[in-house]
């Protein structure tokens, strides 16, 4: 059984795989190296291209190193094939949820302005004293109530906020929320929320879900936080909403094109904090991801059902 490791994510923990019997492990550093190993590859850890899938006649299973599997949109043959795709759903919850509140607290506690004062050696207490706010008793709206959305909600409740959510699969709530609304109540969520967290998967249905009409519905004092996948937020509409003061600010960790192009209007938009797709980054997260791979390898060898199997047609 041959496993091709084609992702740097989790590489500090790949050694835990060495004690698995009857497993040939090949680490590659580029698509070209991966392509040379695909002819007899059984299992692939990474985000494959159509070329890699086409070159792997014996491929049975792909383990994504992330929760997102938007590579499926670019690999139609894979979607229609018998190859099983699994992800690391759940492993990213803690780090991404903490990143959400790093964004939100930076805005409400005036951290970007304070850093500018610090650079200018200016003691801005008088200007800043009335400009700060609390998140206590505010409403946080979560778009996409999967493992990441639930991790955000759990921490939001600890901050004594109200939580509402929409999801493609509505239903009863949990300890953090009374009810999960259907996606057709998105505008209701946007109108009520003081912060909107985008934690939905990127699919054809969610492309540019947060558009100009969505920003029209939001409060002028509200913040948008995008931390799941690029393409869900219309970036031109977001830049316009920020520059016109239509919303108060945005924290953006993911964009449609990464790295974010130099000519993107987001770079110079007002009241935005951009991080380069780092919300899911942490040592413990990487260990959890490799543990999912390890556990699934054990299951695969035994012929047991794998965990975190992705619905390839739905894209999550």
Protein backbone atom coordinates (compact mmCIF):
# COMPACT_ATOMS: atom_id res chain seq x y z
CA UNK A 1 0.00 0.00 0.00
CA UNK A 2 1.57 3.28 -1.14
CA UNK A 3 0.90 6.66 0.44
CA UNK A 4 2.06 9.86 -1.26
CA UNK A 5 2.42 12.78 1.15
CA UNK A 6 2.07 15.90 -0.99
CA UNK A 7 1.42 18.55 1.65
CA UNK A 8 3.71 20.41 4.02
CA UNK A 9 0.83 20.75 6.47
CA UNK A 10 1.48 18.40 9.36
CA UNK A 11 4.98 17.36 8.21
CA UNK A 12 6.38 17.82 11.74
CA UNK A 13 4.18 14.89 12.76
CA UNK A 14 4.58 12.56 9.77
CA UNK A 15 6.94 10.34 11.79
CA UNK A 16 3.94 8.93 13.65
CA UNK A 17 3.03 7.14 10.41
CA UNK A 18 6.24 5.12 10.35
CA UNK A 19 4.99 2.43 12.73
CA UNK A 20 2.12 1.46 10.43
CA UNK A 21 2.83 -1.93 8.83
CA UNK A 22 2.82 -2.66 5.09
CA UNK A 23 2.79 1.01 4.18
CA UNK A 24 5.20 2.59 1.70
CA UNK A 25 5.43 6.32 2.42
CA UNK A 26 6.73 8.74 -0.22
CA UNK A 27 7.09 12.44 0.52
CA UNK A 28 7.07 14.85 -2.42
CA UNK A 29 7.77 18.57 -2.60
CA UNK A 30 6.17 19.54 -5.90
CA UNK A 31 3.46 18.56 -8.38
CA UNK A 32 6.19 17.24 -10.69
CA UNK A 33 7.52 14.94 -7.97
CA UNK A 34 3.99 13.84 -7.12
CA UNK A 35 3.20 13.09 -10.77
CA UNK A 36 6.18 10.74 -10.93
CA UNK A 37 4.78 8.76 -7.98
CA UNK A 38 1.13 8.46 -8.98
CA UNK A 39 1.24 5.38 -11.23
CA UNK A 40 1.16 3.00 -8.24
CA UNK A 41 -0.26 5.38 -5.61
CA UNK A 42 -3.09 4.00 -3.47
CA UNK A 43 -3.54 6.92 -1.06
CA UNK A 44 -2.84 10.62 -1.57
CA UNK A 45 -2.47 13.19 1.21
CA UNK A 46 -2.88 16.67 -0.25
CA UNK A 47 -4.96 18.63 -2.72
CA UNK A 48 -4.62 16.93 -6.10
CA UNK A 49 -4.98 18.41 -9.56
CA UNK A 50 -6.86 16.73 -12.39
CA UNK A 51 -3.49 15.70 -13.89
CA UNK A 52 -2.47 13.92 -10.69
CA UNK A 53 -5.78 12.08 -10.45
CA UNK A 54 -5.60 11.07 -14.13
CA UNK A 55 -2.10 9.67 -13.58
CA UNK A 56 -3.19 7.44 -10.68
CA UNK A 57 -5.12 4.40 -11.99
CA UNK A 58 -4.90 2.63 -8.62
CA UNK A 59 -5.87 5.60 -6.46
CA UNK A 60 -8.49 4.61 -3.90
CA UNK A 61 -8.55 7.39 -1.33
CA UNK A 62 -7.55 11.05 -0.96
CA UNK A 63 -7.11 12.54 2.50
CA UNK A 64 -7.28 16.33 2.38
CA UNK A 65 -4.98 18.04 4.91
CA UNK A 66 -7.67 20.67 5.44
CA UNK A 67 -11.37 20.88 6.07
CA UNK A 68 -12.01 22.58 2.73
CA UNK A 69 -12.12 20.41 -0.39
CA UNK A 70 -12.74 23.08 -3.01
CA UNK A 71 -10.23 21.30 -5.25
CA UNK A 72 -13.22 19.12 -6.15
CA UNK A 73 -14.55 22.03 -8.23
CA UNK A 74 -11.42 21.77 -10.38
CA UNK A 75 -11.36 17.98 -10.63
CA UNK A 76 -14.67 16.89 -12.19
CA UNK A 77 -13.34 13.42 -13.03
CA UNK A 78 -12.55 12.87 -9.37
CA UNK A 79 -16.08 13.83 -8.37
CA UNK A 80 -17.52 11.19 -10.70
CA UNK A 81 -14.97 8.52 -9.75
CA UNK A 82 -15.05 5.86 -7.04
CA UNK A 83 -12.13 7.47 -5.20
CA UNK A 84 -13.08 8.26 -1.61
CA UNK A 85 -12.27 11.76 -0.35
CA UNK A 86 -11.93 12.54 3.36
CA UNK A 87 -11.02 15.75 5.13
CA UNK A 88 -9.79 16.87 8.54
CA UNK A 89 -13.11 18.29 9.65
CA UNK A 90 -12.96 19.29 13.30
CA UNK A 91 -9.17 19.61 13.57
CA UNK A 92 -9.16 23.32 12.70
CA UNK A 93 -11.94 24.46 15.02
CA UNK A 94 -9.89 25.79 17.96
CA UNK A 95 -7.28 27.75 15.98
CA UNK A 96 -9.75 29.24 13.50
CA UNK A 97 -12.23 30.18 16.23
CA UNK A 98 -9.46 31.94 18.16
CA UNK A 99 -8.48 33.79 14.98
CA UNK A 100 -12.06 35.02 14.63
CA UNK A 101 -11.90 36.63 18.04
CA UNK A 102 -8.42 37.99 17.38
CA UNK A 103 -9.98 39.90 14.46
CA UNK A 104 -13.07 40.97 16.37
CA UNK A 105 -11.31 42.11 19.54
CA UNK A 106 -8.72 43.97 17.48
CA UNK A 107 -11.52 46.10 16.07
CA UNK A 108 -13.60 46.59 19.21
CA UNK A 109 -10.55 47.37 21.37
CA UNK A 110 -8.90 49.66 18.81
CA UNK A 111 -5.70 47.65 18.36
CA UNK A 112 -4.91 48.80 14.76
CA UNK A 113 -5.22 52.45 15.81
CA UNK A 114 -3.11 51.83 18.92
CA UNK A 115 -0.36 50.24 16.80
CA UNK A 116 -0.34 53.30 14.55
CA UNK A 117 -0.04 55.56 17.60
CA UNK A 118 2.77 53.36 18.88
CA UNK A 119 4.70 53.70 15.61
CA UNK A 120 4.28 57.48 15.83
CA UNK A 121 5.15 57.57 19.57
CA UNK A 122 1.78 59.16 20.26
CA UNK A 123 -0.21 58.66 23.46
CA UNK A 124 -3.72 58.57 21.95
CA UNK A 125 -5.75 58.02 25.10
CA UNK A 126 -7.98 61.06 24.65
CA UNK A 127 -8.91 60.22 21.05
CA UNK A 128 -9.38 56.51 21.75
CA UNK A 129 -11.22 56.64 25.05
CA UNK A 130 -14.73 57.01 23.59
CA UNK A 131 -14.05 54.99 20.43
CA UNK A 132 -13.88 51.51 21.96
CA UNK A 133 -16.67 49.03 22.48
CA UNK A 134 -17.46 45.65 24.02
CA UNK A 135 -18.67 42.45 22.41
CA UNK A 136 -20.68 41.49 25.50
CA UNK A 137 -24.43 41.42 24.68
CA UNK A 138 -23.73 41.83 20.95
CA UNK A 139 -25.05 39.42 18.34
CA UNK A 140 -22.69 37.24 16.34
CA UNK A 141 -24.11 35.74 13.16
CA UNK A 142 -22.45 32.62 11.81
CA UNK A 143 -22.82 31.67 8.15
CA UNK A 144 -22.11 27.94 7.97
CA UNK A 145 -22.66 26.02 11.19
CA UNK A 146 -20.30 23.09 10.79
CA UNK A 147 -17.42 22.18 13.08
CA UNK A 148 -15.76 25.59 12.70
CA UNK A 149 -19.00 27.50 13.11
CA UNK A 150 -19.76 25.54 16.26
CA UNK A 151 -16.30 26.24 17.66
CA UNK A 152 -16.87 29.96 17.06
CA UNK A 153 -20.30 29.78 18.72
CA UNK A 154 -18.92 28.04 21.80
CA UNK A 155 -16.39 30.81 22.33
CA UNK A 156 -18.92 33.49 21.47
CA UNK A 157 -21.15 32.30 24.31
CA UNK A 158 -18.21 32.50 26.70
CA UNK A 159 -17.95 36.20 25.76
CA UNK A 160 -21.63 36.56 26.75
CA UNK A 161 -22.81 37.30 23.23
CA UNK A 162 -25.95 36.20 21.44
CA UNK A 163 -25.41 33.73 18.60
CA UNK A 164 -27.50 33.12 15.49
CA UNK A 165 -26.61 30.97 12.49
CA UNK A 166 -27.69 29.91 9.02
CA UNK A 167 -26.68 26.69 7.33
CA UNK A 168 -27.53 24.56 4.32
CA UNK A 169 -28.77 21.98 6.83
CA UNK A 170 -31.03 23.84 9.28
CA UNK A 171 -32.48 22.28 12.39
CA UNK A 172 -32.37 22.25 16.14
CA UNK A 173 -29.49 23.93 17.89
CA UNK A 174 -27.07 22.97 20.65
CA UNK A 175 -25.68 24.45 23.84
CA UNK A 176 -24.68 27.64 21.99
CA UNK A 177 -27.71 28.30 19.83
CA UNK A 178 -31.43 27.61 19.96
CA UNK A 179 -32.00 26.98 16.26
CA UNK A 180 -30.04 26.78 13.04
CA UNK A 181 -31.85 28.83 10.40
CA UNK A 182 -32.08 27.83 6.72
CA UNK A 183 -29.84 29.70 4.31
CA UNK A 184 -32.82 31.63 2.92
CA UNK A 185 -32.83 33.57 6.20
CA UNK A 186 -29.36 34.97 5.50
CA UNK A 187 -30.64 38.54 5.20
CA UNK A 188 -32.40 38.21 8.58
CA UNK A 189 -29.08 37.16 10.10
CA UNK A 190 -27.20 40.02 8.45
CA UNK A 191 -29.69 42.63 9.67
CA UNK A 192 -29.45 41.44 13.27
CA UNK A 193 -25.71 40.78 13.58
CA UNK A 194 -23.01 43.00 15.03
CA UNK A 195 -20.39 40.64 13.62
CA UNK A 196 -20.85 38.20 10.73
CA UNK A 197 -18.53 35.20 10.60
CA UNK A 198 -18.20 33.36 7.28
CA UNK A 199 -17.40 29.72 8.09
CA UNK A 200 -19.22 27.97 5.24
CA UNK A 201 -17.53 25.74 2.65
CA UNK A 202 -16.90 27.14 -0.81
CA UNK A 203 -19.23 25.52 -3.32
CA UNK A 204 -21.00 26.63 -6.50
CA UNK A 205 -23.96 27.60 -4.34
CA UNK A 206 -21.92 29.73 -1.94
CA UNK A 207 -19.93 31.60 -4.62
CA UNK A 208 -20.25 35.36 -3.91
CA UNK A 209 -22.97 34.61 -1.36
CA UNK A 210 -21.96 37.77 0.50
CA UNK A 211 -22.50 40.36 -2.22
CA UNK A 212 -23.54 44.00 -2.48
CA UNK A 213 -27.10 43.16 -1.41
CA UNK A 214 -25.74 41.41 1.67
CA UNK A 215 -23.71 44.47 2.65
CA UNK A 216 -26.82 46.61 2.14
CA UNK A 217 -28.53 44.47 4.78
CA UNK A 218 -25.74 44.72 7.37
CA UNK A 219 -25.55 47.31 10.13
CA UNK A 220 -23.15 50.19 9.53
CA UNK A 221 -21.55 49.29 12.88
CA UNK A 222 -21.08 45.61 11.99
CA UNK A 223 -17.91 43.68 11.17
CA UNK A 224 -17.43 40.96 8.58
CA UNK A 225 -14.99 38.14 9.32
CA UNK A 226 -14.11 35.70 6.53
CA UNK A 227 -12.17 32.64 7.68
CA UNK A 228 -13.32 29.54 5.77
CA UNK A 229 -12.67 29.87 2.04
CA UNK A 230 -12.24 32.65 -0.48
CA UNK A 231 -14.91 33.17 -3.10
CA UNK A 232 -17.83 33.30 -0.68
CA UNK A 233 -17.42 37.05 -0.24
CA UNK A 234 -17.57 39.30 -3.32
CA UNK A 235 -14.29 41.14 -2.76
CA UNK A 236 -15.13 44.18 -4.90
CA UNK A 237 -18.40 44.59 -3.00
CA UNK A 238 -16.54 44.24 0.30
CA UNK A 239 -14.01 46.92 -0.66
CA UNK A 240 -16.84 49.26 -1.66
CA UNK A 241 -18.70 48.59 1.59
CA UNK A 242 -15.59 49.37 3.65
CA UNK A 243 -14.59 52.49 1.75
CA UNK A 244 -18.12 53.93 1.85
CA UNK A 245 -18.54 53.23 5.56
CA UNK A 246 -21.38 50.83 4.82
CA UNK A 247 -19.88 48.44 7.41
CA UNK A 248 -17.45 49.18 10.25
CA UNK A 249 -14.62 46.82 9.31
CA UNK A 250 -13.56 43.41 8.06
CA UNK A 251 -11.14 40.68 9.06
CA UNK A 252 -10.14 38.61 6.02
CA UNK A 253 -8.02 35.47 6.16
CA UNK A 254 -9.06 33.89 2.84
CA UNK A 255 -9.48 35.32 -0.65
CA UNK A 256 -10.62 34.06 -4.04
CA UNK A 257 -7.08 34.19 -5.44
CA UNK A 258 -4.20 33.40 -3.11
CA UNK A 259 -1.75 35.02 -2.71
CA UNK A 260 -3.98 38.09 -2.89
CA UNK A 261 -3.02 39.96 -6.10
CA UNK A 262 -1.22 43.28 -5.70
CA UNK A 263 -3.99 45.07 -7.58
CA UNK A 264 -6.78 43.79 -5.32
CA UNK A 265 -8.88 46.66 -3.91
CA UNK A 266 -8.79 44.94 -0.50
CA UNK A 267 -5.18 45.94 0.15
CA UNK A 268 -6.08 49.64 0.38
CA UNK A 269 -9.62 49.34 1.72
CA UNK A 270 -10.50 51.13 4.94
CA UNK A 271 -10.71 49.33 8.28
CA UNK A 272 -9.58 45.93 7.08
CA UNK A 273 -7.18 43.45 8.65
CA UNK A 274 -5.80 40.87 6.22
CA UNK A 275 -3.97 37.72 7.31
CA UNK A 276 -2.51 35.34 4.67
CA UNK A 277 -4.68 32.23 5.22
CA UNK A 278 -3.25 31.61 8.68
CA UNK A 279 -6.41 31.18 10.74
CA UNK A 280 -6.00 27.41 10.80
CA UNK A 281 -2.31 27.48 11.63
CA UNK A 282 -0.99 25.98 14.86
CA UNK A 283 1.15 23.06 15.94
CA UNK A 284 -1.70 21.31 17.77
CA UNK A 285 -3.91 21.64 14.69
CA UNK A 286 -1.28 19.99 12.48
CA UNK A 287 -0.96 17.14 14.95
CA UNK A 288 -4.74 16.67 14.95
CA UNK A 289 -4.77 16.57 11.14
CA UNK A 290 -2.07 13.90 10.95
CA UNK A 291 -3.89 11.96 13.66
CA UNK A 292 -6.97 11.89 11.41
CA UNK A 293 -4.76 10.54 8.60
CA UNK A 294 -3.24 7.94 10.95
CA UNK A 295 -6.60 6.76 12.24
CA UNK A 296 -7.98 6.52 8.72
CA UNK A 297 -4.95 4.56 7.54
CA UNK A 298 -5.62 2.03 10.29
CA UNK A 299 -9.27 1.87 9.26
CA UNK A 300 -8.38 1.59 5.57
CA UNK A 301 -6.02 -1.33 6.22
CA UNK A 302 -8.78 -3.15 8.12
CA UNK A 303 -11.42 -2.42 5.51
CA UNK A 304 -13.40 -0.29 7.97
CA UNK A 305 -15.37 2.83 7.07
CA UNK A 306 -13.24 5.99 7.06
CA UNK A 307 -14.04 9.04 9.16
CA UNK A 308 -14.79 12.49 7.70
CA UNK A 309 -15.90 11.15 4.32
CA UNK A 310 -16.79 14.01 1.99
CA UNK A 311 -19.93 14.15 -0.14
CA UNK A 312 -18.14 14.89 -3.41
CA UNK A 313 -21.29 16.12 -5.14
CA UNK A 314 -22.10 18.57 -2.34
CA UNK A 315 -18.47 19.64 -1.93
CA UNK A 316 -18.18 19.16 1.83
